[in-house]
Amino acid sequence: MRDSNHTGRIIRTLNAAIPMLHNPLLLNVLTPDAFAPYGSVITSAGRDGREINAGTTLRVDMPEPDILREGGRPSLSVFRALAGALPFEMKMMERHRVGSQTFVPMMGTPFVVLVALGADRPDMSTLKAFLANGSCGITLAPDVWHHPLLALAAGDFVVLERKGPQVDCEVVDMPAGVWVAQGV
């Protein structure tokens, strides 16, 4: 562990244990099937719904977030993202072991979702980069390593996450040279 500006977070430096990528990580199209190992895509596209409100609305239910474990409760906020750009060097990843985290762009803002699986650290063989075009959101499953929000334009995001009695954020530094490049 080390001191960090990530106040209240568990920080582990794992640079020596995470292998470098020798090629840029290319963006993939964000689809529910491709993203399934990491969480779910929040979209009504391709999903059936049911009429409500005297037929003026179609309700399409999404997978429920996992935010109530270990005394957790919902925390709803707006993250105001600054514009990022590609190519981008990934310097850290984080995970929330006890709860999911949902991001939904409010203004059609495109964003990049960097995710990996791994028990003690991100498993580089599972590292993926997805381009969310701003027409959908994502829910990261508990225990999924991910990069913090990386918007490709300035914009607001609704974020639903777990708030509880203990801090639920573990952060690791990534080795230098892990780049995300345009793809799709």
C-alpha atoms as a PDB file:
ATOM      1  CA  MET A   1       0.000   0.000   0.000  1.00  0.00           C
ATOM      2  CA  ARG A   2       1.096   3.558  -0.556  1.00  0.00           C
ATOM      3  CA  ASP A   3      -0.128   7.052   0.064  1.00  0.00           C
ATOM      4  CA  SER A   4      -2.274   8.442  -2.714  1.00  0.00           C
ATOM      5  CA  ASN A   5      -4.730  11.158  -3.580  1.00  0.00           C
ATOM      6  CA  HIS A   6      -7.361   8.390  -3.654  1.00  0.00           C
ATOM      7  CA  THR A   7      -8.488   9.249  -0.131  1.00  0.00           C
ATOM      8  CA  GLY A   8      -9.980   6.316   1.719  1.00  0.00           C
ATOM      9  CA  ARG A   9      -9.219   3.800  -1.027  1.00  0.00           C
ATOM     10  CA  ILE A  10      -7.143   0.660  -0.767  1.00  0.00           C
ATOM     11  CA  ILE A  11      -4.122   1.178  -3.002  1.00  0.00           C
ATOM     12  CA  ARG A  12      -1.824  -1.615  -4.186  1.00  0.00           C
ATOM     13  CA  THR A  13       1.090  -1.033  -6.521  1.00  0.00           C
ATOM     14  CA  LEU A  14       1.445  -4.058  -8.775  1.00  0.00           C
ATOM     15  CA  ASN A  15       3.661  -2.767 -11.592  1.00  0.00           C
ATOM     16  CA  ALA A  16       6.120  -5.641 -11.370  1.00  0.00           C
ATOM     17  CA  ALA A  17       3.376  -8.273 -11.410  1.00  0.00           C
ATOM     18  CA  ILE A  18       1.393  -7.038 -14.434  1.00  0.00           C
ATOM     19  CA  PRO A  19       2.964  -7.741 -17.833  1.00  0.00           C
ATOM     20  CA  MET A  20       3.162  -4.975 -20.417  1.00  0.00           C
ATOM     21  CA  LEU A  21       1.185  -5.114 -23.626  1.00  0.00           C
ATOM     22  CA  HIS A  22       3.375  -4.848 -26.682  1.00  0.00           C
ATOM     23  CA  ASN A  23       0.595  -3.682 -29.010  1.00  0.00           C
ATOM     24  CA  PRO A  24      -2.026  -0.994 -28.523  1.00  0.00           C
ATOM     25  CA  LEU A  25      -5.352  -2.190 -27.190  1.00  0.00           C
ATOM     26  CA  LEU A  26      -7.949  -1.554 -29.913  1.00  0.00           C
ATOM     27  CA  LEU A  27     -11.514  -0.500 -29.156  1.00  0.00           C
ATOM     28  CA  ASN A  28     -14.256  -3.097 -29.599  1.00  0.00           C
ATOM     29  CA  VAL A  29     -17.907  -2.475 -30.384  1.00  0.00           C
ATOM     30  CA  LEU A  30     -19.919  -2.517 -27.155  1.00  0.00           C
ATOM     31  CA  THR A  31     -22.542  -5.260 -27.399  1.00  0.00           C
ATOM     32  CA  PRO A  32     -24.368  -7.089 -24.600  1.00  0.00           C
ATOM     33  CA  ASP A  33     -22.766 -10.418 -25.567  1.00  0.00           C
ATOM     34  CA  ALA A  34     -19.209  -9.068 -25.831  1.00  0.00           C
ATOM     35  CA  PHE A  35     -19.532  -7.185 -22.513  1.00  0.00           C
ATOM     36  CA  ALA A  36     -21.299 -10.009 -20.593  1.00  0.00           C
ATOM     37  CA  PRO A  37     -18.176 -11.302 -18.749  1.00  0.00           C
ATOM     38  CA  TYR A  38     -17.732  -7.815 -17.236  1.00  0.00           C
ATOM     39  CA  GLY A  39     -21.307  -6.682 -16.598  1.00  0.00           C
ATOM     40  CA  SER A  40     -24.307  -5.571 -18.618  1.00  0.00           C
ATOM     41  CA  VAL A  41     -25.147  -3.001 -21.261  1.00  0.00           C
ATOM     42  CA  ILE A  42     -27.974  -0.636 -20.336  1.00  0.00           C
ATOM     43  CA  THR A  43     -30.103  -0.237 -23.453  1.00  0.00           C
ATOM     44  CA  SER A  44     -33.641  -0.885 -24.612  1.00  0.00           C
ATOM     45  CA  ALA A  45     -32.446  -1.891 -28.096  1.00  0.00           C
ATOM     46  CA  GLY A  46     -33.380  -5.478 -28.880  1.00  0.00           C
ATOM     47  CA  ARG A  47     -35.272  -5.973 -25.617  1.00  0.00           C
ATOM     48  CA  ASP A  48     -38.986  -6.502 -25.121  1.00  0.00           C
ATOM     49  CA  GLY A  49     -40.894  -4.338 -22.719  1.00  0.00           C
ATOM     50  CA  ARG A  50     -44.397  -3.861 -21.403  1.00  0.00           C
ATOM     51  CA  GLU A  51     -46.791  -0.960 -21.693  1.00  0.00           C
ATOM     52  CA  ILE A  52     -47.353   1.158 -18.603  1.00  0.00           C
ATOM     53  CA  ASN A  53     -48.933   4.547 -17.828  1.00  0.00           C
ATOM     54  CA  ALA A  54     -52.103   3.935 -19.819  1.00  0.00           C
ATOM     55  CA  GLY A  55     -50.092   2.911 -22.873  1.00  0.00           C
ATOM     56  CA  THR A  56     -47.979   6.079 -23.109  1.00  0.00           C
ATOM     57  CA  THR A  57     -44.751   4.352 -22.089  1.00  0.00           C
ATOM     58  CA  LEU A  58     -42.940   1.105 -22.788  1.00  0.00           C
ATOM     59  CA  ARG A  59     -41.066  -0.165 -19.736  1.00  0.00           C
ATOM     60  CA  VAL A  60     -37.957  -2.215 -20.516  1.00  0.00           C
ATOM     61  CA  ASP A  61     -36.460  -3.757 -17.392  1.00  0.00           C
ATOM     62  CA  MET A  62     -32.682  -3.985 -17.040  1.00  0.00           C
ATOM     63  CA  PRO A  63     -30.627  -6.383 -14.914  1.00  0.00           C
ATOM     64  CA  GLU A  64     -30.766  -5.218 -11.313  1.00  0.00           C
ATOM     65  CA  PRO A  65     -27.626  -3.618  -9.903  1.00  0.00           C
ATOM     66  CA  ASP A  66     -25.849  -5.482  -7.118  1.00  0.00           C
ATOM     67  CA  ILE A  67     -25.501  -2.760  -4.473  1.00  0.00           C
ATOM     68  CA  LEU A  68     -27.163  -4.030  -1.288  1.00  0.00           C
ATOM     69  CA  ARG A  69     -24.599  -6.546  -0.005  1.00  0.00           C
ATOM     70  CA  GLU A  70     -22.901  -6.044   3.365  1.00  0.00           C
ATOM     71  CA  GLY A  71     -25.116  -3.166   4.473  1.00  0.00           C
ATOM     72  CA  GLY A  72     -24.891  -1.310   1.176  1.00  0.00           C
ATOM     73  CA  ARG A  73     -27.447   1.190  -0.025  1.00  0.00           C
ATOM     74  CA  PRO A  74     -27.952   2.968  -3.352  1.00  0.00           C
ATOM     75  CA  SER A  75     -25.893   6.059  -4.063  1.00  0.00           C
ATOM     76  CA  LEU A  76     -27.096   8.096  -7.046  1.00  0.00           C
ATOM     77  CA  SER A  77     -24.877  10.876  -8.350  1.00  0.00           C
ATOM     78  CA  VAL A  78     -23.838  12.759 -11.461  1.00  0.00           C
ATOM     79  CA  PHE A  79     -20.220  12.571 -12.600  1.00  0.00           C
ATOM     80  CA  ARG A  80     -19.188  15.543 -14.729  1.00  0.00           C
ATOM     81  CA  ALA A  81     -16.588  14.089 -17.097  1.00  0.00           C
ATOM     82  CA  LEU A  82     -13.924  16.100 -18.867  1.00  0.00           C
ATOM     83  CA  ALA A  83     -13.131  15.300 -22.493  1.00  0.00           C
ATOM     84  CA  GLY A  84     -10.438  12.693 -23.019  1.00  0.00           C
ATOM     85  CA  ALA A  85      -8.784  11.695 -26.271  1.00  0.00           C
ATOM     86  CA  LEU A  86      -7.347   8.655 -28.000  1.00  0.00           C
ATOM     87  CA  PRO A  87      -4.741   7.295 -28.042  1.00  0.00           C
ATOM     88  CA  PHE A  88      -4.769   7.088 -24.249  1.00  0.00           C
ATOM     89  CA  GLU A  89      -2.203   5.593 -21.854  1.00  0.00           C
ATOM     90  CA  MET A  90      -3.875   3.610 -19.095  1.00  0.00           C
ATOM     91  CA  LYS A  91      -2.104   4.280 -15.803  1.00  0.00           C
ATOM     92  CA  MET A  92      -4.387   2.568 -13.277  1.00  0.00           C
ATOM     93  CA  MET A  93      -7.383   0.323 -12.792  1.00  0.00           C
ATOM     94  CA  GLU A  94      -9.794  -0.108  -9.928  1.00  0.00           C
ATOM     95  CA  ARG A  95     -12.472  -2.517  -8.783  1.00  0.00           C
ATOM     96  CA  HIS A  96     -15.393  -2.570  -6.373  1.00  0.00           C
ATOM     97  CA  ARG A  97     -15.543  -5.982  -4.726  1.00  0.00           C
ATOM     98  CA  VAL A  98     -18.867  -5.640  -2.920  1.00  0.00           C
ATOM     99  CA  GLY A  99     -21.071  -3.759  -5.383  1.00  0.00           C
ATOM    100  CA  SER A 100     -21.736  -2.997  -9.011  1.00  0.00           C
ATOM    101  CA  GLN A 101     -21.328   0.436 -10.588  1.00  0.00           C
ATOM    102  CA  THR A 102     -23.580   1.830 -13.349  1.00  0.00           C
ATOM    103  CA  PHE A 103     -22.736   4.666 -15.768  1.00  0.00           C
ATOM    104  CA  VAL A 104     -25.375   6.220 -18.042  1.00  0.00           C
ATOM    105  CA  PRO A 105     -24.487   9.220 -20.237  1.00  0.00           C
ATOM    106  CA  MET A 106     -27.044  12.029 -19.903  1.00  0.00           C
ATOM    107  CA  MET A 107     -26.068  13.953 -23.029  1.00  0.00           C
ATOM    108  CA  GLY A 108     -25.171  11.225 -25.540  1.00  0.00           C
ATOM    109  CA  THR A 109     -21.510  11.454 -24.544  1.00  0.00           C
ATOM    110  CA  PRO A 110     -19.355   8.679 -26.028  1.00  0.00           C
ATOM    111  CA  PHE A 111     -17.000   6.966 -23.607  1.00  0.00           C
ATOM    112  CA  VAL A 112     -14.409   4.207 -23.432  1.00  0.00           C
ATOM    113  CA  VAL A 113     -14.870   1.248 -21.077  1.00  0.00           C
ATOM    114  CA  LEU A 114     -11.634  -0.522 -20.101  1.00  0.00           C
ATOM    115  CA  VAL A 115     -12.213  -3.763 -18.203  1.00  0.00           C
ATOM    116  CA  ALA A 116     -10.377  -6.876 -17.050  1.00  0.00           C
ATOM    117  CA  LEU A 117     -11.010  -9.901 -14.887  1.00  0.00           C
ATOM    118  CA  GLY A 118      -8.594 -11.174 -12.262  1.00  0.00           C
ATOM    119  CA  ALA A 119      -8.519 -12.385  -8.694  1.00  0.00           C
ATOM    120  CA  ASP A 120      -5.619 -10.392  -7.224  1.00  0.00           C
ATOM    121  CA  ARG A 121      -4.781  -8.044 -10.082  1.00  0.00           C
ATOM    122  CA  PRO A 122      -6.024  -7.358 -13.619  1.00  0.00           C
ATOM    123  CA  ASP A 123      -5.417 -10.381 -15.840  1.00  0.00           C
ATOM    124  CA  MET A 124      -3.982  -8.803 -18.997  1.00  0.00           C
ATOM    125  CA  SER A 125      -5.264 -11.687 -21.131  1.00  0.00           C
ATOM    126  CA  THR A 126      -8.831 -10.550 -20.298  1.00  0.00           C
ATOM    127  CA  LEU A 127      -8.208  -6.816 -20.786  1.00  0.00           C
ATOM    128  CA  LYS A 128     -10.723  -5.313 -23.239  1.00  0.00           C
ATOM    129  CA  ALA A 129     -11.559  -1.811 -24.409  1.00  0.00           C
ATOM    130  CA  PHE A 130     -15.088  -1.013 -25.571  1.00  0.00           C
ATOM    131  CA  LEU A 131     -16.473   2.083 -27.259  1.00  0.00           C
ATOM    132  CA  ALA A 132     -19.836   3.147 -25.843  1.00  0.00           C
ATOM    133  CA  ASN A 133     -21.294   5.544 -28.423  1.00  0.00           C
ATOM    134  CA  GLY A 134     -23.393   7.517 -25.932  1.00  0.00           C
ATOM    135  CA  SER A 135     -26.696   5.786 -26.722  1.00  0.00           C
ATOM    136  CA  CYS A 136     -26.394   3.302 -23.857  1.00  0.00           C
ATOM    137  CA  GLY A 137     -24.883   2.860 -20.426  1.00  0.00           C
ATOM    138  CA  ILE A 138     -23.092   0.025 -18.664  1.00  0.00           C
ATOM    139  CA  THR A 139     -23.177  -1.732 -15.325  1.00  0.00           C
ATOM    140  CA  LEU A 140     -19.848  -3.102 -14.148  1.00  0.00           C
ATOM    141  CA  ALA A 141     -20.300  -6.316 -12.178  1.00  0.00           C
ATOM    142  CA  PRO A 142     -18.753  -6.497  -8.710  1.00  0.00           C
ATOM    143  CA  ASP A 143     -15.056  -7.462  -8.687  1.00  0.00           C
ATOM    144  CA  VAL A 144     -14.418  -6.373 -12.309  1.00  0.00           C
ATOM    145  CA  TRP A 145     -11.251  -4.332 -12.800  1.00  0.00           C
ATOM    146  CA  HIS A 146     -11.932  -1.152 -14.769  1.00  0.00           C
ATOM    147  CA  HIS A 147     -10.429   2.187 -15.609  1.00  0.00           C
ATOM    148  CA  PRO A 148     -12.217   5.227 -14.163  1.00  0.00           C
ATOM    149  CA  LEU A 149     -14.659   6.995 -16.465  1.00  0.00           C
ATOM    150  CA  LEU A 150     -13.009   8.016 -19.744  1.00  0.00           C
ATOM    151  CA  ALA A 151     -15.378  10.224 -21.752  1.00  0.00           C
ATOM    152  CA  LEU A 152     -14.415  11.235 -25.282  1.00  0.00           C
ATOM    153  CA  ALA A 153     -16.304  14.521 -24.914  1.00  0.00           C
ATOM    154  CA  ALA A 154     -17.274  16.580 -21.892  1.00  0.00           C
ATOM    155  CA  GLY A 155     -20.562  15.411 -20.419  1.00  0.00           C
ATOM    156  CA  ASP A 156     -22.594  14.357 -17.414  1.00  0.00           C
ATOM    157  CA  PHE A 157     -23.146  10.724 -16.415  1.00  0.00           C
ATOM    158  CA  VAL A 158     -25.707   9.338 -13.992  1.00  0.00           C
ATOM    159  CA  VAL A 159     -23.862   6.930 -11.686  1.00  0.00           C
ATOM    160  CA  LEU A 160     -25.581   4.381  -9.472  1.00  0.00           C
ATOM    161  CA  GLU A 161     -23.270   2.598  -7.076  1.00  0.00           C
ATOM    162  CA  ARG A 162     -23.092   1.050  -3.642  1.00  0.00           C
ATOM    163  CA  LYS A 163     -22.446   3.165  -0.588  1.00  0.00           C
ATOM    164  CA  GLY A 164     -21.723   1.312   2.614  1.00  0.00           C
ATOM    165  CA  PRO A 165     -19.964   1.275   5.952  1.00  0.00           C
ATOM    166  CA  GLN A 166     -16.592   0.277   4.434  1.00  0.00           C
ATOM    167  CA  VAL A 167     -14.754   1.694   1.424  1.00  0.00           C
ATOM    168  CA  ASP A 168     -15.284  -0.499  -1.644  1.00  0.00           C
ATOM    169  CA  CYS A 169     -12.589   0.608  -4.073  1.00  0.00           C
ATOM    170  CA  GLU A 170      -9.279  -1.093  -4.730  1.00  0.00           C
ATOM    171  CA  VAL A 171      -6.821   0.666  -7.074  1.00  0.00           C
ATOM    172  CA  VAL A 172      -3.728  -0.699  -8.840  1.00  0.00           C
ATOM    173  CA  ASP A 173      -1.124   1.105 -10.916  1.00  0.00           C
ATOM    174  CA  MET A 174      -0.611  -0.282 -14.411  1.00  0.00           C
ATOM    175  CA  PRO A 175       2.760  -0.733 -16.113  1.00  0.00           C
ATOM    176  CA  ALA A 176       3.872   2.037 -18.443  1.00  0.00           C
ATOM    177  CA  GLY A 177       3.057   1.535 -22.083  1.00  0.00           C
ATOM    178  CA  VAL A 178      -0.501   0.172 -21.948  1.00  0.00           C
ATOM    179  CA  TRP A 179      -2.125   2.244 -24.686  1.00  0.00           C
ATOM    180  CA  VAL A 180      -5.683   2.279 -25.948  1.00  0.00           C
ATOM    181  CA  ALA A 181      -6.000   3.201 -29.603  1.00  0.00           C
ATOM    182  CA  GLN A 182      -8.936   3.859 -31.890  1.00  0.00           C
ATOM    183  CA  GLY A 183     -10.526   0.776 -33.355  1.00  0.00           C
ATOM    184  CA  VAL A 184     -14.069  -0.239 -34.195  1.00  0.00           C
END
